[in-house]
Amino acid sequence: MSSTLLLILELFGIAVFASTGALVGVRKELDVFGVAVLALITGLGGGVLRDLLIGSVPPNALEDWRYLAVPFVTSLVVFMFHPVFGRLEREIMLLDALGLSLFCVTGAVTAGAAGLNVLSASALGMLTGIGGGMMRDVASGRVPVIFRGDLYATPAFTGALIASVVHAMDGSSWWYAVAGAACLVWRVLALLRGWSAPLPPGTLRG
């Protein structure tokens, strides 16, 4: 995967995730600064964690101004036009699934390029995809989505695992699209059909 394509995918994923963070901030009735902070956390949190864990310091988000500019501009757009975004809840959830699929792949590839084995790169790919959302939910006083029974982390790990194997085998770039599609399709089907992770036997879902 070329560095240019990797950058484009990451910036698009950041914008998508930042929009979900900004929308949470608006619904929590935060001011423009609070909305921007949640957007930055959601868009950049997973990637920053990944970079710190693989020893890439300072993280890309602090070295390249575009990583900060994209979520900041996104937060302002959502803040100003939040009624429009609020009516697009379904579409935003689908975009969030797309962002998850992009991040799990780019995160796994970045971790693999840093020399991590397939399993470790897969774990970091998953973390790249879910880390920002976890930080957003904690910062806004919500239970993180991965703890609410939603099938979120599992599709991310699956996509990251496929991408890690492709990277380790120096496979065709086409297979990275397959990795992202595996995560995306699983997550979208879970949203549309109400699939959720199993609970302990005898436990009722709230």
N, C-alpha and C. Protein backbone atom coordinates (compact mmCIF):
# COMPACT_ATOMS: atom_id res chain seq x y z
N MET A 1 0.85 -1.18 0.00
CA MET A 1 0.00 0.00 0.00
C MET A 1 0.89 1.24 0.00
N SER A 2 0.68 2.14 -0.96
CA SER A 2 1.53 3.32 -1.08
C SER A 2 1.28 4.28 0.08
N SER A 3 2.30 5.08 0.39
CA SER A 3 2.17 6.03 1.49
C SER A 3 1.10 7.08 1.20
N THR A 4 0.96 7.46 -0.08
CA THR A 4 -0.06 8.46 -0.44
C THR A 4 -1.46 7.91 -0.21
N LEU A 5 -1.70 6.68 -0.66
CA LEU A 5 -3.01 6.07 -0.45
C LEU A 5 -3.30 5.89 1.03
N LEU A 6 -2.28 5.50 1.79
CA LEU A 6 -2.44 5.32 3.23
C LEU A 6 -2.84 6.64 3.89
N LEU A 7 -2.19 7.73 3.47
CA LEU A 7 -2.50 9.06 4.02
C LEU A 7 -3.93 9.46 3.69
N ILE A 8 -4.35 9.26 2.44
CA ILE A 8 -5.70 9.63 2.02
C ILE A 8 -6.75 8.86 2.82
N LEU A 9 -6.54 7.56 2.96
CA LEU A 9 -7.49 6.74 3.71
C LEU A 9 -7.56 7.17 5.17
N GLU A 10 -6.40 7.45 5.76
CA GLU A 10 -6.39 7.86 7.18
C GLU A 10 -7.09 9.20 7.37
N LEU A 11 -6.86 10.17 6.48
CA LEU A 11 -7.49 11.48 6.62
C LEU A 11 -9.00 11.37 6.43
N PHE A 12 -9.44 10.53 5.51
CA PHE A 12 -10.88 10.33 5.32
C PHE A 12 -11.49 9.68 6.56
N GLY A 13 -10.81 8.65 7.09
CA GLY A 13 -11.30 8.01 8.29
C GLY A 13 -11.35 8.96 9.47
N ILE A 14 -10.35 9.82 9.59
CA ILE A 14 -10.32 10.82 10.66
C ILE A 14 -11.51 11.75 10.56
N ALA A 15 -11.82 12.21 9.35
CA ALA A 15 -12.96 13.11 9.15
C ALA A 15 -14.26 12.43 9.56
N VAL A 16 -14.42 11.18 9.17
CA VAL A 16 -15.64 10.44 9.50
C VAL A 16 -15.78 10.28 11.01
N PHE A 17 -14.73 9.83 11.65
CA PHE A 17 -14.78 9.63 13.10
C PHE A 17 -14.96 10.96 13.83
N ALA A 18 -14.30 12.00 13.34
CA ALA A 18 -14.42 13.31 13.99
C ALA A 18 -15.86 13.81 13.94
N SER A 19 -16.57 13.53 12.85
CA SER A 19 -17.96 13.97 12.75
C SER A 19 -18.83 13.30 13.81
N THR A 20 -18.56 12.03 14.10
CA THR A 20 -19.35 11.34 15.14
C THR A 20 -19.02 11.92 16.52
N GLY A 21 -17.76 12.23 16.75
CA GLY A 21 -17.38 12.83 18.03
C GLY A 21 -17.99 14.21 18.20
N ALA A 22 -17.97 15.01 17.14
CA ALA A 22 -18.55 16.35 17.21
C ALA A 22 -20.05 16.29 17.46
N LEU A 23 -20.72 15.32 16.85
CA LEU A 23 -22.16 15.19 17.02
C LEU A 23 -22.51 14.81 18.46
N VAL A 24 -21.69 13.95 19.06
CA VAL A 24 -21.89 13.62 20.47
C VAL A 24 -21.73 14.87 21.32
N GLY A 25 -20.73 15.69 21.01
CA GLY A 25 -20.51 16.92 21.75
C GLY A 25 -21.68 17.89 21.65
N VAL A 26 -22.24 18.00 20.45
CA VAL A 26 -23.40 18.88 20.25
C VAL A 26 -24.58 18.38 21.07
N ARG A 27 -24.80 17.07 21.08
CA ARG A 27 -25.93 16.51 21.81
C ARG A 27 -25.74 16.59 23.32
N LYS A 28 -24.47 16.68 23.75
CA LYS A 28 -24.18 16.89 25.16
C LYS A 28 -24.23 18.38 25.52
N GLU A 29 -24.58 19.21 24.52
CA GLU A 29 -24.70 20.66 24.70
C GLU A 29 -23.38 21.29 25.14
N LEU A 30 -22.27 20.82 24.56
CA LEU A 30 -20.97 21.41 24.83
C LEU A 30 -20.78 22.65 23.96
N ASP A 31 -19.86 23.52 24.38
CA ASP A 31 -19.56 24.69 23.56
C ASP A 31 -18.66 24.27 22.40
N VAL A 32 -18.30 25.24 21.57
CA VAL A 32 -17.55 24.93 20.36
C VAL A 32 -16.20 24.29 20.68
N PHE A 33 -15.59 24.71 21.79
CA PHE A 33 -14.31 24.12 22.19
C PHE A 33 -14.49 22.66 22.58
N GLY A 34 -15.53 22.37 23.36
CA GLY A 34 -15.79 20.99 23.77
C GLY A 34 -16.10 20.10 22.59
N VAL A 35 -16.85 20.61 21.64
CA VAL A 35 -17.17 19.84 20.44
C VAL A 35 -15.90 19.54 19.66
N ALA A 36 -15.02 20.54 19.55
CA ALA A 36 -13.76 20.34 18.82
C ALA A 36 -12.87 19.31 19.51
N VAL A 37 -12.83 19.37 20.84
CA VAL A 37 -12.01 18.42 21.59
C VAL A 37 -12.50 16.99 21.38
N LEU A 38 -13.82 16.78 21.45
CA LEU A 38 -14.36 15.45 21.23
C LEU A 38 -14.10 14.97 19.81
N ALA A 39 -14.18 15.88 18.85
CA ALA A 39 -13.89 15.51 17.47
C ALA A 39 -12.43 15.11 17.30
N LEU A 40 -11.52 15.86 17.92
CA LEU A 40 -10.09 15.54 17.85
C LEU A 40 -9.80 14.20 18.52
N ILE A 41 -10.39 13.98 19.68
CA ILE A 41 -10.18 12.73 20.41
C ILE A 41 -10.65 11.54 19.58
N THR A 42 -11.85 11.68 19.01
CA THR A 42 -12.43 10.57 18.25
C THR A 42 -11.66 10.30 16.97
N GLY A 43 -11.29 11.36 16.29
CA GLY A 43 -10.61 11.20 15.02
C GLY A 43 -9.17 10.74 15.13
N LEU A 44 -8.49 11.16 16.19
CA LEU A 44 -7.04 10.92 16.29
C LEU A 44 -6.64 9.94 17.38
N GLY A 45 -7.55 9.66 18.32
CA GLY A 45 -7.17 8.87 19.50
C GLY A 45 -6.59 7.51 19.17
N GLY A 46 -7.23 6.75 18.30
CA GLY A 46 -6.75 5.41 17.97
C GLY A 46 -5.40 5.43 17.29
N GLY A 47 -5.21 6.37 16.36
CA GLY A 47 -3.93 6.46 15.66
C GLY A 47 -2.79 6.88 16.57
N VAL A 48 -3.08 7.79 17.49
CA VAL A 48 -2.05 8.23 18.44
C VAL A 48 -1.63 7.08 19.34
N LEU A 49 -2.61 6.33 19.84
CA LEU A 49 -2.29 5.16 20.67
C LEU A 49 -1.42 4.17 19.91
N ARG A 50 -1.80 3.91 18.67
CA ARG A 50 -1.01 2.99 17.84
C ARG A 50 0.43 3.47 17.68
N ASP A 51 0.59 4.75 17.35
CA ASP A 51 1.94 5.28 17.12
C ASP A 51 2.78 5.21 18.38
N LEU A 52 2.17 5.52 19.53
CA LEU A 52 2.92 5.46 20.79
C LEU A 52 3.36 4.04 21.10
N LEU A 53 2.48 3.07 20.83
CA LEU A 53 2.79 1.68 21.15
C LEU A 53 3.86 1.09 20.24
N ILE A 54 3.96 1.58 19.01
CA ILE A 54 5.00 1.06 18.11
C ILE A 54 6.26 1.92 18.16
N GLY A 55 6.26 2.93 19.03
CA GLY A 55 7.45 3.76 19.21
C GLY A 55 7.64 4.82 18.15
N SER A 56 6.56 5.16 17.45
CA SER A 56 6.65 6.21 16.44
C SER A 56 6.30 7.54 17.09
N VAL A 57 7.33 8.20 17.61
CA VAL A 57 7.11 9.46 18.32
C VAL A 57 7.98 10.56 17.69
N PRO A 58 7.41 11.78 17.63
CA PRO A 58 6.02 12.11 17.96
C PRO A 58 5.06 11.46 16.98
N PRO A 59 3.81 11.22 17.40
CA PRO A 59 2.82 10.59 16.51
C PRO A 59 2.59 11.40 15.25
N ASN A 60 2.11 10.74 14.21
CA ASN A 60 1.82 11.42 12.95
C ASN A 60 0.89 12.60 13.14
N ALA A 61 -0.05 12.46 14.08
CA ALA A 61 -1.04 13.51 14.32
C ALA A 61 -0.39 14.81 14.77
N LEU A 62 0.81 14.74 15.33
CA LEU A 62 1.51 15.94 15.80
C LEU A 62 2.59 16.39 14.83
N GLU A 63 2.97 15.55 13.92
CA GLU A 63 4.00 15.90 12.94
C GLU A 63 3.43 16.50 11.67
N ASP A 64 2.26 16.06 11.27
CA ASP A 64 1.65 16.51 10.02
C ASP A 64 0.42 17.35 10.34
N TRP A 65 0.44 18.61 9.95
CA TRP A 65 -0.64 19.54 10.30
C TRP A 65 -2.00 19.08 9.77
N ARG A 66 -2.00 18.30 8.71
CA ARG A 66 -3.27 17.86 8.14
C ARG A 66 -4.05 16.96 9.08
N TYR A 67 -3.34 16.22 9.92
CA TYR A 67 -4.01 15.33 10.88
C TYR A 67 -4.79 16.12 11.92
N LEU A 68 -4.34 17.30 12.24
CA LEU A 68 -5.06 18.16 13.19
C LEU A 68 -6.11 19.01 12.49
N ALA A 69 -5.80 19.45 11.27
CA ALA A 69 -6.71 20.35 10.56
C ALA A 69 -8.02 19.66 10.18
N VAL A 70 -7.93 18.40 9.75
CA VAL A 70 -9.13 17.70 9.28
C VAL A 70 -10.19 17.56 10.37
N PRO A 71 -9.86 17.03 11.56
CA PRO A 71 -10.92 16.93 12.58
C PRO A 71 -11.37 18.28 13.11
N PHE A 72 -10.47 19.26 13.13
CA PHE A 72 -10.86 20.58 13.62
C PHE A 72 -11.88 21.22 12.68
N VAL A 73 -11.60 21.19 11.39
CA VAL A 73 -12.56 21.75 10.41
C VAL A 73 -13.87 20.97 10.44
N THR A 74 -13.76 19.65 10.54
CA THR A 74 -14.97 18.82 10.61
C THR A 74 -15.83 19.21 11.80
N SER A 75 -15.19 19.44 12.96
CA SER A 75 -15.95 19.81 14.16
C SER A 75 -16.70 21.13 13.97
N LEU A 76 -16.08 22.08 13.29
CA LEU A 76 -16.73 23.38 13.06
C LEU A 76 -17.93 23.22 12.13
N VAL A 77 -17.77 22.39 11.11
CA VAL A 77 -18.88 22.16 10.18
C VAL A 77 -20.06 21.52 10.90
N VAL A 78 -19.79 20.49 11.71
CA VAL A 78 -20.86 19.82 12.45
C VAL A 78 -21.49 20.78 13.45
N PHE A 79 -20.67 21.58 14.13
CA PHE A 79 -21.17 22.55 15.12
C PHE A 79 -22.14 23.54 14.48
N MET A 80 -21.79 24.02 13.30
CA MET A 80 -22.61 25.04 12.63
C MET A 80 -23.86 24.45 11.98
N PHE A 81 -23.76 23.23 11.50
CA PHE A 81 -24.88 22.64 10.76
C PHE A 81 -25.38 21.36 11.44
N HIS A 82 -25.34 21.34 12.76
CA HIS A 82 -25.71 20.11 13.48
C HIS A 82 -27.14 19.64 13.24
N PRO A 83 -28.13 20.53 12.97
CA PRO A 83 -29.46 19.98 12.67
C PRO A 83 -29.46 19.05 11.45
N VAL A 84 -28.66 19.41 10.46
CA VAL A 84 -28.57 18.58 9.26
C VAL A 84 -27.94 17.24 9.60
N PHE A 85 -26.83 17.29 10.35
CA PHE A 85 -26.15 16.05 10.72
C PHE A 85 -27.02 15.20 11.64
N GLY A 86 -27.79 15.85 12.50
CA GLY A 86 -28.66 15.11 13.40
C GLY A 86 -29.71 14.30 12.67
N ARG A 87 -30.15 14.80 11.51
CA ARG A 87 -31.15 14.08 10.71
C ARG A 87 -30.52 12.96 9.89
N LEU A 88 -29.20 12.90 9.89
CA LEU A 88 -28.50 11.88 9.10
C LEU A 88 -27.90 10.81 10.00
N GLU A 89 -28.61 10.50 11.09
CA GLU A 89 -28.08 9.54 12.07
C GLU A 89 -27.72 8.21 11.42
N ARG A 90 -28.61 7.69 10.60
CA ARG A 90 -28.38 6.39 9.97
C ARG A 90 -27.17 6.45 9.04
N GLU A 91 -27.11 7.53 8.27
CA GLU A 91 -25.99 7.67 7.34
C GLU A 91 -24.67 7.82 8.08
N ILE A 92 -24.69 8.54 9.20
CA ILE A 92 -23.46 8.74 9.97
C ILE A 92 -23.00 7.42 10.58
N MET A 93 -23.93 6.59 11.02
CA MET A 93 -23.56 5.29 11.55
C MET A 93 -22.91 4.42 10.48
N LEU A 94 -23.42 4.53 9.26
CA LEU A 94 -22.82 3.78 8.16
C LEU A 94 -21.43 4.34 7.82
N LEU A 95 -21.30 5.67 7.89
CA LEU A 95 -19.98 6.27 7.66
C LEU A 95 -19.01 5.87 8.77
N ASP A 96 -19.52 5.76 9.99
CA ASP A 96 -18.68 5.32 11.10
C ASP A 96 -18.17 3.90 10.84
N ALA A 97 -19.03 3.05 10.30
CA ALA A 97 -18.61 1.69 9.94
C ALA A 97 -17.53 1.73 8.86
N LEU A 98 -17.67 2.67 7.92
CA LEU A 98 -16.66 2.81 6.88
C LEU A 98 -15.34 3.29 7.48
N GLY A 99 -15.42 4.26 8.40
CA GLY A 99 -14.22 4.73 9.07
C GLY A 99 -13.54 3.63 9.86
N LEU A 100 -14.33 2.79 10.51
CA LEU A 100 -13.78 1.66 11.27
C LEU A 100 -13.03 0.72 10.34
N SER A 101 -13.61 0.44 9.19
CA SER A 101 -12.96 -0.48 8.24
C SER A 101 -11.68 0.11 7.68
N LEU A 102 -11.66 1.42 7.45
CA LEU A 102 -10.44 2.06 6.95
C LEU A 102 -9.35 2.04 8.01
N PHE A 103 -9.71 2.39 9.24
CA PHE A 103 -8.70 2.50 10.31
C PHE A 103 -8.13 1.15 10.70
N CYS A 104 -8.96 0.11 10.72
CA CYS A 104 -8.42 -1.19 11.13
C CYS A 104 -7.39 -1.68 10.11
N VAL A 105 -7.60 -1.35 8.83
CA VAL A 105 -6.66 -1.75 7.79
C VAL A 105 -5.38 -0.91 7.83
N THR A 106 -5.54 0.41 7.85
CA THR A 106 -4.35 1.27 7.86
C THR A 106 -3.56 1.08 9.14
N GLY A 107 -4.26 0.85 10.27
CA GLY A 107 -3.56 0.62 11.53
C GLY A 107 -2.75 -0.65 11.51
N ALA A 108 -3.34 -1.71 10.94
CA ALA A 108 -2.63 -2.99 10.86
C ALA A 108 -1.42 -2.90 9.93
N VAL A 109 -1.59 -2.20 8.81
CA VAL A 109 -0.48 -2.05 7.86
C VAL A 109 0.65 -1.24 8.49
N THR A 110 0.30 -0.16 9.17
CA THR A 110 1.33 0.67 9.82
C THR A 110 2.07 -0.13 10.89
N ALA A 111 1.34 -0.91 11.67
CA ALA A 111 1.96 -1.73 12.71
C ALA A 111 2.83 -2.82 12.10
N GLY A 112 2.36 -3.43 11.01
CA GLY A 112 3.16 -4.44 10.33
C GLY A 112 4.43 -3.87 9.75
N ALA A 113 4.34 -2.66 9.20
CA ALA A 113 5.52 -2.01 8.63
C ALA A 113 6.54 -1.66 9.71
N ALA A 114 6.07 -1.54 10.96
CA ALA A 114 6.97 -1.24 12.07
C ALA A 114 7.67 -2.50 12.59
N GLY A 115 7.33 -3.65 12.01
CA GLY A 115 8.01 -4.88 12.38
C GLY A 115 7.24 -5.80 13.30
N LEU A 116 5.98 -5.48 13.61
CA LEU A 116 5.20 -6.33 14.49
C LEU A 116 4.73 -7.59 13.76
N ASN A 117 4.56 -8.67 14.53
CA ASN A 117 4.06 -9.90 13.92
C ASN A 117 2.57 -9.75 13.60
N VAL A 118 2.03 -10.76 12.92
CA VAL A 118 0.66 -10.68 12.42
C VAL A 118 -0.35 -10.45 13.55
N LEU A 119 -0.24 -11.20 14.64
CA LEU A 119 -1.22 -11.08 15.72
C LEU A 119 -1.14 -9.71 16.38
N SER A 120 0.08 -9.25 16.65
CA SER A 120 0.25 -7.95 17.30
C SER A 120 -0.23 -6.82 16.39
N ALA A 121 0.09 -6.92 15.11
CA ALA A 121 -0.35 -5.91 14.15
C ALA A 121 -1.87 -5.89 14.04
N SER A 122 -2.49 -7.07 14.13
CA SER A 122 -3.95 -7.15 14.08
C SER A 122 -4.57 -6.46 15.30
N ALA A 123 -3.98 -6.70 16.47
CA ALA A 123 -4.48 -6.08 17.69
C ALA A 123 -4.37 -4.56 17.62
N LEU A 124 -3.25 -4.08 17.08
CA LEU A 124 -3.08 -2.63 16.97
C LEU A 124 -3.97 -2.04 15.89
N GLY A 125 -4.23 -2.83 14.84
CA GLY A 125 -5.18 -2.38 13.83
C GLY A 125 -6.56 -2.20 14.42
N MET A 126 -6.98 -3.15 15.23
CA MET A 126 -8.27 -3.05 15.92
C MET A 126 -8.28 -1.83 16.85
N LEU A 127 -7.20 -1.64 17.60
CA LEU A 127 -7.12 -0.51 18.53
C LEU A 127 -7.20 0.82 17.78
N THR A 128 -6.58 0.87 16.61
CA THR A 128 -6.65 2.09 15.81
C THR A 128 -8.09 2.41 15.45
N GLY A 129 -8.86 1.36 15.17
CA GLY A 129 -10.24 1.57 14.78
C GLY A 129 -11.17 1.93 15.93
N ILE A 130 -10.94 1.34 17.10
CA ILE A 130 -11.90 1.53 18.20
C ILE A 130 -11.40 2.51 19.27
N GLY A 131 -10.11 2.83 19.25
CA GLY A 131 -9.54 3.63 20.34
C GLY A 131 -10.14 5.02 20.48
N GLY A 132 -10.32 5.72 19.35
CA GLY A 132 -10.86 7.07 19.42
C GLY A 132 -12.28 7.09 19.94
N GLY A 133 -13.10 6.12 19.50
CA GLY A 133 -14.48 6.05 19.97
C GLY A 133 -14.56 5.75 21.46
N MET A 134 -13.66 4.89 21.95
CA MET A 134 -13.63 4.60 23.38
C MET A 134 -13.30 5.85 24.17
N MET A 135 -12.30 6.60 23.72
CA MET A 135 -11.92 7.84 24.41
C MET A 135 -13.07 8.85 24.38
N ARG A 136 -13.74 8.94 23.23
CA ARG A 136 -14.88 9.85 23.10
C ARG A 136 -15.96 9.52 24.12
N ASP A 137 -16.31 8.23 24.21
CA ASP A 137 -17.39 7.83 25.10
C ASP A 137 -17.03 8.06 26.57
N VAL A 138 -15.79 7.75 26.92
CA VAL A 138 -15.35 7.97 28.30
C VAL A 138 -15.37 9.46 28.63
N ALA A 139 -14.85 10.28 27.71
CA ALA A 139 -14.79 11.73 27.94
C ALA A 139 -16.17 12.36 28.03
N SER A 140 -17.15 11.77 27.34
CA SER A 140 -18.49 12.34 27.34
C SER A 140 -19.42 11.66 28.35
N GLY A 141 -18.86 10.74 29.17
CA GLY A 141 -19.65 10.11 30.22
C GLY A 141 -20.57 9.01 29.74
N ARG A 142 -20.21 8.38 28.62
CA ARG A 142 -21.03 7.29 28.10
C ARG A 142 -20.28 5.97 28.23
N VAL A 143 -21.03 4.88 28.30
CA VAL A 143 -20.40 3.56 28.28
C VAL A 143 -19.87 3.33 26.88
N PRO A 144 -18.59 3.00 26.73
CA PRO A 144 -18.03 2.78 25.39
C PRO A 144 -18.84 1.78 24.58
N VAL A 145 -18.97 2.06 23.29
CA VAL A 145 -19.82 1.25 22.43
C VAL A 145 -19.41 -0.22 22.43
N ILE A 146 -18.12 -0.51 22.59
CA ILE A 146 -17.68 -1.91 22.54
C ILE A 146 -18.11 -2.68 23.79
N PHE A 147 -18.55 -1.97 24.84
CA PHE A 147 -19.02 -2.62 26.05
C PHE A 147 -20.54 -2.70 26.13
N ARG A 148 -21.21 -2.22 25.09
CA ARG A 148 -22.67 -2.19 25.11
C ARG A 148 -23.28 -3.34 24.30
N GLY A 149 -22.46 -4.31 23.93
CA GLY A 149 -22.97 -5.46 23.20
C GLY A 149 -22.92 -5.32 21.70
N ASP A 150 -22.61 -4.11 21.19
CA ASP A 150 -22.55 -3.92 19.75
C ASP A 150 -21.37 -4.69 19.16
N LEU A 151 -21.58 -5.26 17.99
CA LEU A 151 -20.48 -5.92 17.28
C LEU A 151 -19.65 -4.83 16.61
N TYR A 152 -18.59 -4.43 17.27
CA TYR A 152 -17.76 -3.32 16.81
C TYR A 152 -16.30 -3.74 16.75
N ALA A 153 -15.79 -4.21 17.88
CA ALA A 153 -14.38 -4.59 17.93
C ALA A 153 -14.09 -5.85 17.13
N THR A 154 -15.03 -6.81 17.13
CA THR A 154 -14.80 -8.07 16.42
C THR A 154 -14.65 -7.87 14.92
N PRO A 155 -15.55 -7.11 14.27
CA PRO A 155 -15.32 -6.85 12.84
C PRO A 155 -14.00 -6.12 12.58
N ALA A 156 -13.64 -5.20 13.49
CA ALA A 156 -12.39 -4.46 13.32
C ALA A 156 -11.19 -5.40 13.40
N PHE A 157 -11.22 -6.33 14.35
CA PHE A 157 -10.11 -7.26 14.47
C PHE A 157 -10.03 -8.18 13.25
N THR A 158 -11.18 -8.58 12.73
CA THR A 158 -11.20 -9.45 11.55
C THR A 158 -10.58 -8.75 10.35
N GLY A 159 -10.98 -7.50 10.12
CA GLY A 159 -10.40 -6.75 9.01
C GLY A 159 -8.91 -6.53 9.20
N ALA A 160 -8.52 -6.22 10.44
CA ALA A 160 -7.10 -6.00 10.72
C ALA A 160 -6.29 -7.27 10.54
N LEU A 161 -6.85 -8.40 10.92
CA LEU A 161 -6.16 -9.68 10.77
C LEU A 161 -5.90 -10.00 9.31
N ILE A 162 -6.91 -9.81 8.48
CA ILE A 162 -6.74 -10.06 7.05
C ILE A 162 -5.67 -9.13 6.48
N ALA A 163 -5.73 -7.85 6.85
CA ALA A 163 -4.75 -6.88 6.34
C ALA A 163 -3.34 -7.22 6.81
N SER A 164 -3.21 -7.69 8.05
CA SER A 164 -1.89 -8.05 8.58
C SER A 164 -1.30 -9.23 7.82
N VAL A 165 -2.15 -10.22 7.53
CA VAL A 165 -1.68 -11.38 6.77
C VAL A 165 -1.25 -10.97 5.36
N VAL A 166 -2.05 -10.12 4.73
CA VAL A 166 -1.72 -9.63 3.38
C VAL A 166 -0.40 -8.89 3.40
N HIS A 167 -0.20 -8.04 4.40
CA HIS A 167 1.04 -7.27 4.50
C HIS A 167 2.23 -8.19 4.73
N ALA A 168 2.07 -9.18 5.60
CA ALA A 168 3.17 -10.11 5.90
C ALA A 168 3.55 -10.92 4.67
N MET A 169 2.57 -11.22 3.81
CA MET A 169 2.82 -12.01 2.61
C MET A 169 3.13 -11.13 1.40
N ASP A 170 3.17 -9.81 1.63
CA ASP A 170 3.43 -8.86 0.55
C ASP A 170 2.43 -9.06 -0.59
N GLY A 171 1.16 -9.18 -0.21
CA GLY A 171 0.12 -9.45 -1.18
C GLY A 171 -0.30 -8.23 -1.97
N SER A 172 -1.19 -8.44 -2.92
CA SER A 172 -1.69 -7.37 -3.78
C SER A 172 -2.52 -6.38 -2.97
N SER A 173 -2.50 -5.11 -3.41
CA SER A 173 -3.28 -4.07 -2.73
C SER A 173 -4.77 -4.38 -2.77
N TRP A 174 -5.19 -5.19 -3.74
CA TRP A 174 -6.60 -5.55 -3.85
C TRP A 174 -7.08 -6.26 -2.60
N TRP A 175 -6.19 -7.02 -1.98
CA TRP A 175 -6.57 -7.77 -0.79
C TRP A 175 -6.80 -6.87 0.42
N TYR A 176 -6.20 -5.69 0.41
CA TYR A 176 -6.49 -4.74 1.49
C TYR A 176 -7.94 -4.27 1.40
N ALA A 177 -8.44 -4.13 0.17
CA ALA A 177 -9.85 -3.77 -0.01
C ALA A 177 -10.75 -4.88 0.52
N VAL A 178 -10.33 -6.13 0.33
CA VAL A 178 -11.09 -7.26 0.86
C VAL A 178 -11.12 -7.20 2.39
N ALA A 179 -9.98 -6.87 2.99
CA ALA A 179 -9.90 -6.76 4.45
C ALA A 179 -10.86 -5.69 4.97
N GLY A 180 -10.83 -4.53 4.32
CA GLY A 180 -11.74 -3.46 4.74
C GLY A 180 -13.19 -3.82 4.52
N ALA A 181 -13.48 -4.51 3.41
CA ALA A 181 -14.85 -4.90 3.10
C ALA A 181 -15.37 -5.90 4.12
N ALA A 182 -14.51 -6.80 4.58
CA ALA A 182 -14.93 -7.80 5.57
C ALA A 182 -15.40 -7.11 6.84
N CYS A 183 -14.64 -6.12 7.29
CA CYS A 183 -15.04 -5.36 8.49
C CYS A 183 -16.31 -4.57 8.22
N LEU A 184 -16.35 -3.89 7.09
CA LEU A 184 -17.48 -3.02 6.77
C LEU A 184 -18.79 -3.80 6.66
N VAL A 185 -18.77 -4.89 5.91
CA VAL A 185 -19.99 -5.68 5.71
C VAL A 185 -20.49 -6.24 7.03
N TRP A 186 -19.57 -6.77 7.85
CA TRP A 186 -19.97 -7.34 9.14
C TRP A 186 -20.59 -6.28 10.03
N ARG A 187 -19.96 -5.12 10.10
CA ARG A 187 -20.46 -4.04 10.95
C ARG A 187 -21.81 -3.52 10.45
N VAL A 188 -21.96 -3.35 9.15
CA VAL A 188 -23.22 -2.84 8.60
C VAL A 188 -24.35 -3.84 8.82
N LEU A 189 -24.07 -5.12 8.60
CA LEU A 189 -25.09 -6.13 8.84
C LEU A 189 -25.51 -6.16 10.31
N ALA A 190 -24.53 -5.97 11.21
CA ALA A 190 -24.85 -5.93 12.64
C ALA A 190 -25.77 -4.76 12.95
N LEU A 191 -25.54 -3.62 12.31
CA LEU A 191 -26.38 -2.45 12.52
C LEU A 191 -27.78 -2.66 11.97
N LEU A 192 -27.85 -3.18 10.76
CA LEU A 192 -29.14 -3.33 10.09
C LEU A 192 -30.00 -4.43 10.70
N ARG A 193 -29.36 -5.49 11.18
CA ARG A 193 -30.11 -6.64 11.68
C ARG A 193 -30.12 -6.74 13.20
N GLY A 194 -29.47 -5.79 13.86
CA GLY A 194 -29.50 -5.78 15.31
C GLY A 194 -28.66 -6.87 15.95
N TRP A 195 -27.63 -7.33 15.27
CA TRP A 195 -26.76 -8.35 15.84
C TRP A 195 -25.99 -7.77 17.02
N SER A 196 -25.72 -8.59 18.00
CA SER A 196 -24.95 -8.12 19.16
C SER A 196 -24.11 -9.27 19.69
N ALA A 197 -23.13 -8.92 20.48
CA ALA A 197 -22.25 -9.93 21.08
C ALA A 197 -23.02 -10.70 22.15
N PRO A 198 -22.69 -11.98 22.37
CA PRO A 198 -23.41 -12.79 23.37
C PRO A 198 -23.11 -12.33 24.80
N LEU A 199 -24.09 -12.48 25.65
CA LEU A 199 -23.94 -12.18 27.07
C LEU A 199 -23.74 -13.50 27.84
N PRO A 200 -23.30 -13.42 29.10
CA PRO A 200 -23.18 -14.64 29.91
C PRO A 200 -24.53 -15.35 30.01
N PRO A 201 -24.54 -16.69 30.08
CA PRO A 201 -25.80 -17.44 30.17
C PRO A 201 -26.66 -16.95 31.34
N GLY A 202 -27.95 -16.77 31.08
CA GLY A 202 -28.88 -16.35 32.11
C GLY A 202 -28.95 -14.85 32.30
N THR A 203 -28.16 -14.09 31.53
CA THR A 203 -28.16 -12.63 31.66
C THR A 203 -29.10 -12.02 30.63
N LEU A 204 -29.92 -11.08 31.06
CA LEU A 204 -30.82 -10.39 30.17
C LEU A 204 -30.20 -9.09 29.71
N ARG A 205 -30.31 -8.81 28.40
CA ARG A 205 -29.77 -7.55 27.88
C ARG A 205 -30.67 -6.39 28.26
N GLY A 206 -30.03 -5.33 28.76
CA GLY A 206 -30.83 -4.19 29.19
C GLY A 206 -31.34 -3.36 28.04
